[in-house]
Amino acid sequence: MAEIKPLKAWRYNNELAKNMDELTSPLFDVVSQKQRDILYKNPLNSIHLSVPLGDTPALTAKHLLANWKSEGTILQDKLPGIYVYYQYFNLPGNPNTFCRKGFICHIRAYDWEENVILRHENTIPKSVNDRIELLAQTELNVSPTHGLYSDLDFELEKYMDEAITHPLYESEDYQGVRDVLAVIHDQAVIRKFIEKIKPQQIILADGHHRYEGSMEFKRTQQKNNPNHTGNEGYNFHLMYLTNMEADDLRILPTHRLLVNLPPLPDNWMEKVAEYFIIKPLDDWYSVPEVISGKPWAFGLILPKEAYKIRLKPECLDLMEWKFPKEVKELDLTVLHYFFIEKVIGIEGKNQRKSEHIQFERNFSACLEQIHDGKAQIGLITNDISMEQVKKVCLTGYTMPQKSTYFYPKAICGFLFSSIKEDEFQVPDYSGF
């Protein structure tokens, strides 16, 4: 059973919100250094809470948050609500405008073992620890993670469509996406959302580090609270929920860059040939098209040449990782096992923590990194389907880290969610 609750969001005051474009920021794990440098110049931008600066960044965020509250920079809504969040976007080569529809709420921070929130990716420990520390100091969810529910009949959509006609904010973000936020306060309507989600398992699409941070913080607070009831704010997490049955759900590939590797032997490509069929490519920019739709096919980008590599089908049986078929046959499992472990020598157990593996969504940025000598090897991947995500989640296993890039990303700055006890609890008269 998935328990959700409406929330009393903290939001920028009305005067500041007139310039909302100047206050929003990308999520902490996708914001580039160039973007950060620009956003930090605005002392009121949300990045100061999501990716704080200083020798003790979490403490910096704690003090800043206290100032913003006392000075009225951000104000807390008086009534609890479900916040409707629509994202209008376009894709290259497609004339259509898409709209991903969803809503933001509090959801109970279930442990993985409870099998209510289903993960499909591994996390990187350092990033989780950073999120735990930030949450412990601020008791604030700065941005929502992204979860998927199922609504085959689209029952909730009519309520969201009605609410979005009276937006709180409209903004164009760094992705070129038009973001629109509205709120539902009607108690009867909110209960329809609660009842729709209650019997479901939620697939965590994006935000594994932030969700795991909430989960670990909850465990710590439970141990330290002899009067724990399960209703305290630390038991809940901020999530943006979208319908996995909708046509406007897009998953883009995330490519791999290998950096600062020790010198490879002169004949290292012979090792690649043991597992992969290798085809040289004249046009580096054709790589995404050449591998598109082909299972176990990847682009291999080197400083002076580019190749299409595709796993020899008979090699799949050589995989020694103890995964079910649904995970073994994934492109990224194949890539991480046969190339990153067998060819490069980074064992699977060390890959999550490896400083030699970086991730990049933008294909052109991968080429630039290779050409500039910042990376030695680029591994270009295909996207993954929603059906594959579902299958992996149901096995209880996970994909390699950064396997999916659900597009577009939610933005930070539209609202903040406090789990501080006196700010989390809603009035008795609200019915929640």
Protein backbone atom coordinates (compact mmCIF):
# COMPACT_ATOMS: atom_id res chain seq x y z
CA MET A 1 0.00 0.00 0.00
CA ALA A 2 1.44 3.38 -1.02
CA GLU A 3 0.46 6.16 1.36
CA ILE A 4 0.51 9.72 0.05
CA LYS A 5 -0.39 12.98 1.76
CA PRO A 6 -1.04 16.56 0.63
CA LEU A 7 1.51 19.11 1.82
CA LYS A 8 1.83 22.73 2.84
CA ALA A 9 4.58 23.79 0.48
CA TRP A 10 7.11 26.51 1.07
CA ARG A 11 7.22 28.81 -1.97
CA TYR A 12 8.87 32.05 -3.01
CA ASN A 13 6.82 35.11 -2.05
CA ASN A 14 4.56 36.56 -4.72
CA GLU A 15 6.85 39.47 -5.57
CA LEU A 16 9.89 37.23 -6.16
CA ALA A 17 7.77 34.67 -8.02
CA LYS A 18 7.13 37.23 -10.76
CA ASN A 19 10.65 36.36 -11.94
CA MET A 20 10.44 32.62 -11.40
CA ASP A 21 12.79 31.87 -14.31
CA GLU A 22 15.59 33.46 -12.28
CA LEU A 23 14.88 31.30 -9.20
CA THR A 24 14.60 27.77 -10.61
CA SER A 25 17.57 25.46 -11.12
CA PRO A 26 18.37 21.98 -12.47
CA LEU A 27 18.42 19.01 -10.11
CA PHE A 28 21.63 18.55 -8.13
CA ASP A 29 22.88 15.59 -10.19
CA VAL A 30 22.40 17.11 -13.65
CA VAL A 31 23.44 20.74 -13.15
CA SER A 32 26.69 21.43 -14.98
CA GLN A 33 29.52 23.48 -13.50
CA LYS A 34 28.86 26.21 -16.06
CA GLN A 35 25.20 26.38 -15.03
CA ARG A 36 26.19 26.43 -11.36
CA ASP A 37 28.57 29.35 -11.83
CA ILE A 38 25.79 31.40 -13.42
CA LEU A 39 23.06 30.43 -10.94
CA TYR A 40 25.21 31.05 -7.85
CA LYS A 41 25.42 34.73 -8.84
CA ASN A 42 21.76 35.13 -7.84
CA PRO A 43 21.70 34.92 -4.00
CA LEU A 44 18.04 33.89 -4.06
CA ASN A 45 18.29 31.08 -6.62
CA SER A 46 17.16 27.67 -5.38
CA ILE A 47 20.58 26.17 -6.18
CA HIS A 48 21.82 27.62 -2.88
CA LEU A 49 19.58 25.08 -1.11
CA SER A 50 20.03 22.13 -3.46
CA VAL A 51 23.79 22.38 -4.13
CA PRO A 52 25.03 24.69 -1.37
CA LEU A 53 28.53 26.15 -1.32
CA GLY A 54 31.12 26.37 1.45
CA ASP A 55 33.37 24.08 3.46
CA THR A 56 30.28 22.76 5.27
CA PRO A 57 27.62 23.06 2.55
CA ALA A 58 24.78 21.42 4.50
CA LEU A 59 25.25 23.89 7.37
CA THR A 60 25.40 26.73 4.85
CA ALA A 61 22.02 25.62 3.48
CA LYS A 62 20.59 25.33 7.02
CA HIS A 63 21.48 28.92 7.89
CA LEU A 64 20.34 30.25 4.53
CA LEU A 65 16.99 28.47 4.86
CA ALA A 66 16.44 29.99 8.30
CA ASN A 67 17.15 33.44 6.87
CA TRP A 68 14.83 32.94 3.92
CA LYS A 69 12.03 31.90 6.27
CA SER A 70 12.53 34.74 8.74
CA GLU A 71 12.88 37.37 6.01
CA GLY A 72 9.83 36.14 4.09
CA THR A 73 11.79 35.14 1.00
CA ILE A 74 9.81 31.91 1.09
CA LEU A 75 6.41 31.49 2.74
CA GLN A 76 4.50 28.38 3.71
CA ASP A 77 1.08 27.77 2.20
CA LYS A 78 -1.67 27.79 4.83
CA LEU A 79 -3.65 24.87 3.41
CA PRO A 80 -2.40 21.40 2.42
CA GLY A 81 -2.71 20.58 -1.23
CA ILE A 82 -1.76 18.34 -4.12
CA TYR A 83 0.45 20.35 -6.49
CA VAL A 84 -0.21 19.67 -10.17
CA TYR A 85 2.91 19.88 -12.32
CA TYR A 86 2.83 19.83 -16.14
CA GLN A 87 5.88 19.87 -18.42
CA TYR A 88 5.48 20.82 -22.09
CA PHE A 89 8.41 19.78 -24.27
CA ASN A 90 9.64 18.96 -27.76
CA LEU A 91 12.09 16.38 -29.06
CA PRO A 92 14.59 16.80 -31.90
CA GLY A 93 13.18 15.76 -35.26
CA ASN A 94 9.60 15.60 -33.95
CA PRO A 95 7.16 18.46 -34.69
CA ASN A 96 4.78 17.48 -31.88
CA THR A 97 4.65 19.13 -28.46
CA PHE A 98 4.42 16.64 -25.62
CA CYS A 99 3.03 17.21 -22.14
CA ARG A 100 4.01 15.10 -19.15
CA LYS A 101 1.28 15.41 -16.53
CA GLY A 102 1.77 14.70 -12.87
CA PHE A 103 1.34 15.87 -9.30
CA ILE A 104 3.60 16.50 -6.31
CA CYS A 105 2.80 15.14 -2.86
CA HIS A 106 4.33 13.60 0.24
CA ILE A 107 4.78 9.83 0.10
CA ARG A 108 5.83 7.54 2.93
CA ALA A 109 9.55 6.72 2.70
CA TYR A 110 9.22 2.95 2.47
CA ASP A 111 12.24 0.69 2.86
CA TRP A 112 13.14 -1.27 -0.27
CA GLU A 113 12.22 -4.51 1.49
CA GLU A 114 8.63 -3.35 1.87
CA ASN A 115 8.27 -3.66 -1.92
CA VAL A 116 6.13 -0.54 -2.27
CA ILE A 117 8.67 1.77 -3.89
CA LEU A 118 10.49 -0.21 -6.59
CA ARG A 119 13.96 0.86 -7.68
CA HIS A 120 15.60 -0.02 -10.98
CA GLU A 121 19.04 1.57 -10.56
CA ASN A 122 21.97 1.30 -8.19
CA THR A 123 23.10 4.43 -6.40
CA ILE A 124 26.51 6.00 -5.86
CA PRO A 125 27.24 6.02 -2.08
CA LYS A 126 28.89 9.46 -1.94
CA SER A 127 25.89 11.11 -3.56
CA VAL A 128 23.52 9.42 -1.08
CA ASN A 129 25.62 10.58 1.88
CA ASP A 130 25.56 14.16 0.60
CA ARG A 131 21.76 14.07 0.40
CA ILE A 132 21.42 12.57 3.91
CA GLU A 133 23.57 15.30 5.42
CA LEU A 134 21.66 18.04 3.61
CA LEU A 135 18.30 16.60 4.72
CA ALA A 136 19.50 16.18 8.31
CA GLN A 137 20.57 19.81 8.55
CA THR A 138 17.66 21.47 6.72
CA GLU A 139 14.77 19.00 7.23
CA LEU A 140 13.72 20.16 3.76
CA ASN A 141 13.01 18.34 0.51
CA VAL A 142 14.38 20.84 -1.96
CA SER A 143 13.13 19.04 -5.09
CA PRO A 144 10.78 16.13 -5.78
CA THR A 145 11.94 12.75 -6.95
CA HIS A 146 10.01 11.20 -9.84
CA GLY A 147 7.77 8.17 -9.33
CA LEU A 148 5.49 6.26 -11.69
CA TYR A 149 1.98 5.03 -10.92
CA SER A 150 -0.54 3.25 -13.12
CA ASP A 151 -3.87 4.77 -14.16
CA LEU A 152 -5.13 2.95 -17.24
CA ASP A 153 -8.38 4.93 -17.28
CA PHE A 154 -6.67 8.28 -16.66
CA GLU A 155 -9.12 8.99 -13.83
CA LEU A 156 -6.96 11.65 -12.18
CA GLU A 157 -6.24 13.56 -15.36
CA LYS A 158 -9.52 15.48 -15.46
CA TYR A 159 -8.82 16.96 -12.02
CA MET A 160 -5.28 17.90 -13.00
CA ASP A 161 -6.43 19.40 -16.32
CA GLU A 162 -8.94 21.57 -14.47
CA ALA A 163 -6.39 22.75 -11.90
CA ILE A 164 -3.72 23.62 -14.47
CA THR A 165 -6.05 26.21 -16.03
CA HIS A 166 -5.33 28.33 -12.93
CA PRO A 167 -1.53 28.12 -12.67
CA LEU A 168 0.54 29.38 -9.78
CA TYR A 169 3.62 29.61 -12.01
CA GLU A 170 4.66 29.23 -15.61
CA SER A 171 8.34 29.13 -16.47
CA GLU A 172 10.70 28.07 -19.23
CA ASP A 173 13.59 26.09 -17.79
CA TYR A 174 17.17 25.30 -18.82
CA GLN A 175 15.98 22.41 -21.01
CA GLY A 176 13.68 24.66 -23.03
CA VAL A 177 10.73 22.99 -21.29
CA ARG A 178 7.66 24.97 -20.24
CA ASP A 179 6.92 24.10 -16.61
CA VAL A 180 3.51 24.89 -15.12
CA LEU A 181 2.47 24.47 -11.46
CA ALA A 182 -1.02 24.57 -9.96
CA VAL A 183 -2.58 23.36 -6.71
CA ILE A 184 -5.66 21.38 -5.66
CA HIS A 185 -7.08 22.15 -2.19
CA ASP A 186 -10.46 20.42 -2.56
CA GLN A 187 -10.55 17.71 0.12
CA ALA A 188 -12.82 15.37 -1.84
CA VAL A 189 -10.60 15.56 -4.93
CA ILE A 190 -7.42 15.03 -2.91
CA ARG A 191 -8.96 11.87 -1.45
CA LYS A 192 -9.43 10.53 -4.99
CA PHE A 193 -5.67 10.88 -5.51
CA ILE A 194 -4.96 9.16 -2.20
CA GLU A 195 -7.29 6.25 -3.02
CA LYS A 196 -5.91 5.84 -6.54
CA ILE A 197 -2.34 5.52 -5.29
CA LYS A 198 -3.08 3.46 -2.15
CA PRO A 199 -3.11 -0.08 -3.67
CA GLN A 200 -0.16 0.50 -5.98
CA GLN A 201 3.54 -0.17 -6.19
CA ILE A 202 5.43 2.93 -7.30
CA ILE A 203 8.38 2.68 -9.69
CA LEU A 204 11.08 5.17 -8.82
CA ALA A 205 11.95 6.74 -12.17
CA ASP A 206 14.40 9.43 -11.08
CA GLY A 207 15.94 10.52 -7.79
CA HIS A 208 17.28 7.28 -6.34
CA HIS A 209 19.92 9.16 -4.33
CA ARG A 210 17.45 11.62 -2.83
CA TYR A 211 14.94 8.89 -2.03
CA GLU A 212 17.59 6.70 -0.43
CA GLY A 213 18.72 9.73 1.54
CA SER A 214 15.17 10.13 2.92
CA MET A 215 14.98 6.43 3.70
CA GLU A 216 18.26 6.43 5.63
CA PHE A 217 17.38 9.65 7.49
CA LYS A 218 14.06 8.10 8.53
CA ARG A 219 15.84 5.03 9.93
CA THR A 220 18.19 7.21 11.98
CA GLN A 221 15.35 9.31 13.36
CA GLN A 222 13.33 6.22 14.27
CA LYS A 223 16.23 4.84 16.31
CA ASN A 224 16.67 8.13 18.14
CA ASN A 225 12.98 8.67 18.90
CA PRO A 226 11.64 6.41 21.69
CA ASN A 227 8.15 7.82 21.04
CA HIS A 228 8.17 7.11 17.31
CA THR A 229 4.64 6.77 15.89
CA GLY A 230 5.24 6.56 12.13
CA ASN A 231 3.38 9.81 11.49
CA GLU A 232 6.30 12.17 12.01
CA GLY A 233 7.54 14.27 9.11
CA TYR A 234 10.76 12.31 8.78
CA ASN A 235 8.72 9.30 7.64
CA PHE A 236 7.78 11.08 4.41
CA HIS A 237 9.43 12.18 1.19
CA LEU A 238 8.54 14.60 -1.63
CA MET A 239 7.65 12.94 -4.93
CA TYR A 240 6.38 13.95 -8.37
CA LEU A 241 4.08 11.18 -9.58
CA THR A 242 3.27 10.63 -13.27
CA ASN A 243 1.19 8.01 -15.02
CA MET A 244 3.35 5.31 -16.60
CA GLU A 245 0.51 4.53 -19.04
CA ALA A 246 0.77 7.95 -20.69
CA ASP A 247 2.32 8.40 -24.13
CA ASP A 248 4.37 11.40 -23.05
CA LEU A 249 6.84 9.45 -20.89
CA ARG A 250 10.28 9.59 -22.50
CA ILE A 251 13.50 7.79 -21.49
CA LEU A 252 16.73 9.00 -23.09
CA PRO A 253 20.09 7.16 -23.06
CA THR A 254 22.95 8.02 -20.72
CA HIS A 255 26.39 7.41 -22.23
CA ARG A 256 29.57 6.35 -20.41
CA LEU A 257 32.92 8.11 -20.40
CA LEU A 258 36.06 6.38 -19.10
CA VAL A 259 38.58 8.80 -17.63
CA ASN A 260 42.04 8.73 -16.03
CA LEU A 261 42.58 5.10 -16.95
CA PRO A 262 46.03 3.56 -16.51
CA PRO A 263 47.77 3.02 -19.86
CA LEU A 264 46.10 0.27 -21.91
CA PRO A 265 48.25 -2.31 -23.71
CA ASP A 266 48.87 -1.67 -27.41
CA ASN A 267 46.79 -4.71 -28.36
CA TRP A 268 43.84 -3.95 -26.08
CA MET A 269 41.42 -3.88 -29.03
CA GLU A 270 42.13 -7.60 -29.46
CA LYS A 271 40.39 -8.07 -26.11
CA VAL A 272 37.41 -6.11 -27.42
CA ALA A 273 37.31 -8.44 -30.45
CA GLU A 274 36.98 -11.48 -28.18
CA TYR A 275 33.50 -10.37 -27.21
CA PHE A 276 32.33 -7.87 -29.82
CA ILE A 277 31.94 -7.58 -33.57
CA ILE A 278 33.84 -4.40 -34.46
CA LYS A 279 33.02 -2.11 -37.37
CA PRO A 280 35.06 1.08 -38.02
CA LEU A 281 33.03 4.24 -38.68
CA ASP A 282 34.07 7.19 -40.85
CA ASP A 283 31.40 9.57 -39.58
CA TRP A 284 31.53 9.90 -35.80
CA TYR A 285 28.27 11.84 -35.72
CA SER A 286 26.43 8.88 -37.26
CA VAL A 287 27.03 6.67 -34.20
CA PRO A 288 23.56 7.11 -32.57
CA GLU A 289 21.84 6.23 -35.85
CA VAL A 290 24.13 3.27 -36.58
CA ILE A 291 23.42 1.59 -33.23
CA SER A 292 19.76 2.65 -32.94
CA GLY A 293 17.37 -0.22 -32.27
CA LYS A 294 20.09 -2.88 -32.31
CA PRO A 295 20.42 -4.93 -29.11
CA TRP A 296 23.85 -5.04 -27.46
CA ALA A 297 25.21 -2.47 -29.94
CA PHE A 298 27.31 0.49 -28.80
CA GLY A 299 29.41 3.30 -30.15
CA LEU A 300 33.06 3.15 -29.13
CA ILE A 301 34.65 6.61 -29.37
CA LEU A 302 38.42 6.99 -29.12
CA PRO A 303 40.61 10.09 -29.66
CA LYS A 304 41.42 9.17 -33.27
CA GLU A 305 38.75 6.71 -34.35
CA ALA A 306 35.19 5.56 -33.80
CA TYR A 307 33.62 2.12 -34.02
CA LYS A 308 30.33 0.34 -33.77
CA ILE A 309 30.72 -2.66 -31.48
CA ARG A 310 28.09 -5.33 -31.01
CA LEU A 311 28.23 -8.26 -28.61
CA LYS A 312 28.66 -11.65 -30.24
CA PRO A 313 25.40 -13.43 -29.28
CA GLU A 314 27.17 -16.59 -28.14
CA CYS A 315 29.12 -14.55 -25.57
CA LEU A 316 26.06 -13.77 -23.47
CA ASP A 317 26.27 -17.24 -21.91
CA LEU A 318 29.73 -16.35 -20.63
CA MET A 319 28.36 -13.73 -18.25
CA GLU A 320 29.08 -14.79 -14.69
CA TRP A 321 27.10 -12.09 -12.91
CA LYS A 322 24.25 -13.75 -10.99
CA PHE A 323 21.33 -11.86 -12.47
CA PRO A 324 17.96 -13.00 -13.84
CA LYS A 325 17.52 -13.05 -17.60
CA GLU A 326 15.67 -9.70 -17.60
CA VAL A 327 18.76 -7.98 -16.20
CA LYS A 328 21.45 -9.98 -18.00
CA GLU A 329 20.03 -9.15 -21.42
CA LEU A 330 19.96 -5.39 -20.86
CA ASP A 331 22.32 -3.41 -23.08
CA LEU A 332 23.92 -1.70 -20.11
CA THR A 333 24.50 -4.93 -18.21
CA VAL A 334 26.26 -6.27 -21.30
CA LEU A 335 28.33 -3.09 -21.60
CA HIS A 336 29.35 -3.00 -17.95
CA TYR A 337 30.25 -6.68 -17.87
CA PHE A 338 31.92 -7.39 -21.19
CA PHE A 339 33.55 -4.01 -21.83
CA ILE A 340 34.06 -2.22 -18.53
CA GLU A 341 34.92 -5.33 -16.51
CA LYS A 342 36.36 -7.81 -19.00
CA VAL A 343 38.12 -5.41 -21.37
CA ILE A 344 39.02 -2.46 -19.13
CA GLY A 345 39.37 -4.42 -15.90
CA ILE A 346 37.07 -2.50 -13.53
CA GLU A 347 35.24 -5.26 -11.65
CA GLY A 348 31.49 -4.96 -11.28
CA LYS A 349 31.68 -4.72 -7.50
CA ASN A 350 33.86 -1.61 -7.83
CA GLN A 351 32.01 0.15 -10.62
CA ARG A 352 29.55 2.07 -8.41
CA LYS A 353 32.42 3.79 -6.61
CA SER A 354 34.82 4.01 -9.54
CA GLU A 355 36.25 7.44 -10.32
CA HIS A 356 37.08 6.19 -13.82
CA ILE A 357 33.42 6.04 -14.93
CA GLN A 358 31.50 9.21 -15.73
CA PHE A 359 28.05 9.70 -17.23
CA GLU A 360 26.92 12.05 -19.97
CA ARG A 361 23.52 12.30 -21.65
CA ASN A 362 24.54 14.60 -24.48
CA PHE A 363 26.22 12.81 -27.40
CA SER A 364 27.99 15.92 -28.67
CA ALA A 365 29.38 16.54 -25.18
CA CYS A 366 30.83 13.01 -25.24
CA LEU A 367 32.66 13.74 -28.49
CA GLU A 368 33.93 17.01 -27.08
CA GLN A 369 35.29 15.31 -23.95
CA ILE A 370 37.17 12.77 -26.06
CA HIS A 371 38.54 15.33 -28.51
CA ASP A 372 39.68 17.62 -25.67
CA GLY A 373 41.48 14.75 -23.94
CA LYS A 374 39.28 14.90 -20.83
CA ALA A 375 38.14 11.31 -21.41
CA GLN A 376 39.95 8.38 -23.02
CA ILE A 377 36.99 6.28 -24.12
CA GLY A 378 33.38 7.13 -24.91
CA LEU A 379 30.71 4.42 -24.87
CA ILE A 380 27.53 5.48 -26.67
CA THR A 381 24.35 3.64 -25.71
CA ASN A 382 20.78 3.18 -26.86
CA ASP A 383 17.79 4.19 -24.78
CA ILE A 384 15.85 1.74 -22.62
CA SER A 385 12.11 1.06 -22.82
CA MET A 386 9.50 1.53 -20.11
CA GLU A 387 8.67 -2.16 -20.48
CA GLN A 388 12.26 -3.09 -19.62
CA VAL A 389 12.16 -0.84 -16.56
CA LYS A 390 8.97 -2.54 -15.36
CA LYS A 391 10.42 -6.03 -15.86
CA VAL A 392 13.60 -5.25 -13.98
CA CYS A 393 11.71 -3.67 -11.07
CA LEU A 394 9.56 -6.76 -10.69
CA THR A 395 12.63 -9.02 -10.42
CA GLY A 396 13.83 -7.14 -7.34
CA TYR A 397 17.21 -6.54 -8.98
CA THR A 398 18.64 -3.27 -10.27
CA MET A 399 20.26 -1.99 -13.44
CA PRO A 400 23.73 -0.45 -13.53
CA GLN A 401 23.76 3.08 -12.14
CA LYS A 402 22.56 5.88 -14.41
CA SER A 403 20.73 3.45 -16.71
CA THR A 404 17.81 5.74 -17.46
CA TYR A 405 17.27 9.41 -18.13
CA PHE A 406 13.59 10.19 -17.85
CA TYR A 407 13.04 13.36 -19.86
CA PRO A 408 12.37 16.09 -19.06
CA LYS A 409 13.84 16.44 -15.59
CA ALA A 410 11.73 18.08 -12.90
CA ILE A 411 13.12 21.44 -11.83
CA CYS A 412 14.06 22.77 -8.43
CA GLY A 413 12.55 25.96 -7.05
CA PHE A 414 8.81 25.77 -7.70
CA LEU A 415 8.20 24.50 -4.17
CA PHE A 416 9.99 23.11 -1.12
CA SER A 417 8.67 20.56 1.35
CA SER A 418 9.46 20.68 5.05
CA ILE A 419 9.56 17.56 7.23
CA LYS A 420 10.20 19.67 10.33
CA GLU A 421 7.48 18.56 12.71
CA ASP A 422 5.69 21.86 13.30
CA GLU A 423 5.77 22.64 9.58
CA PHE A 424 4.93 19.17 8.30
CA GLN A 425 1.71 18.52 10.21
CA VAL A 426 -1.49 19.82 8.64
CA PRO A 427 -4.43 21.40 10.52
CA ASP A 428 -7.02 19.00 11.96
CA TYR A 429 -9.78 20.80 10.10
CA SER A 430 -8.18 19.89 6.76
CA GLY A 431 -9.25 16.26 7.19
CA PHE A 432 -5.75 14.90 6.57
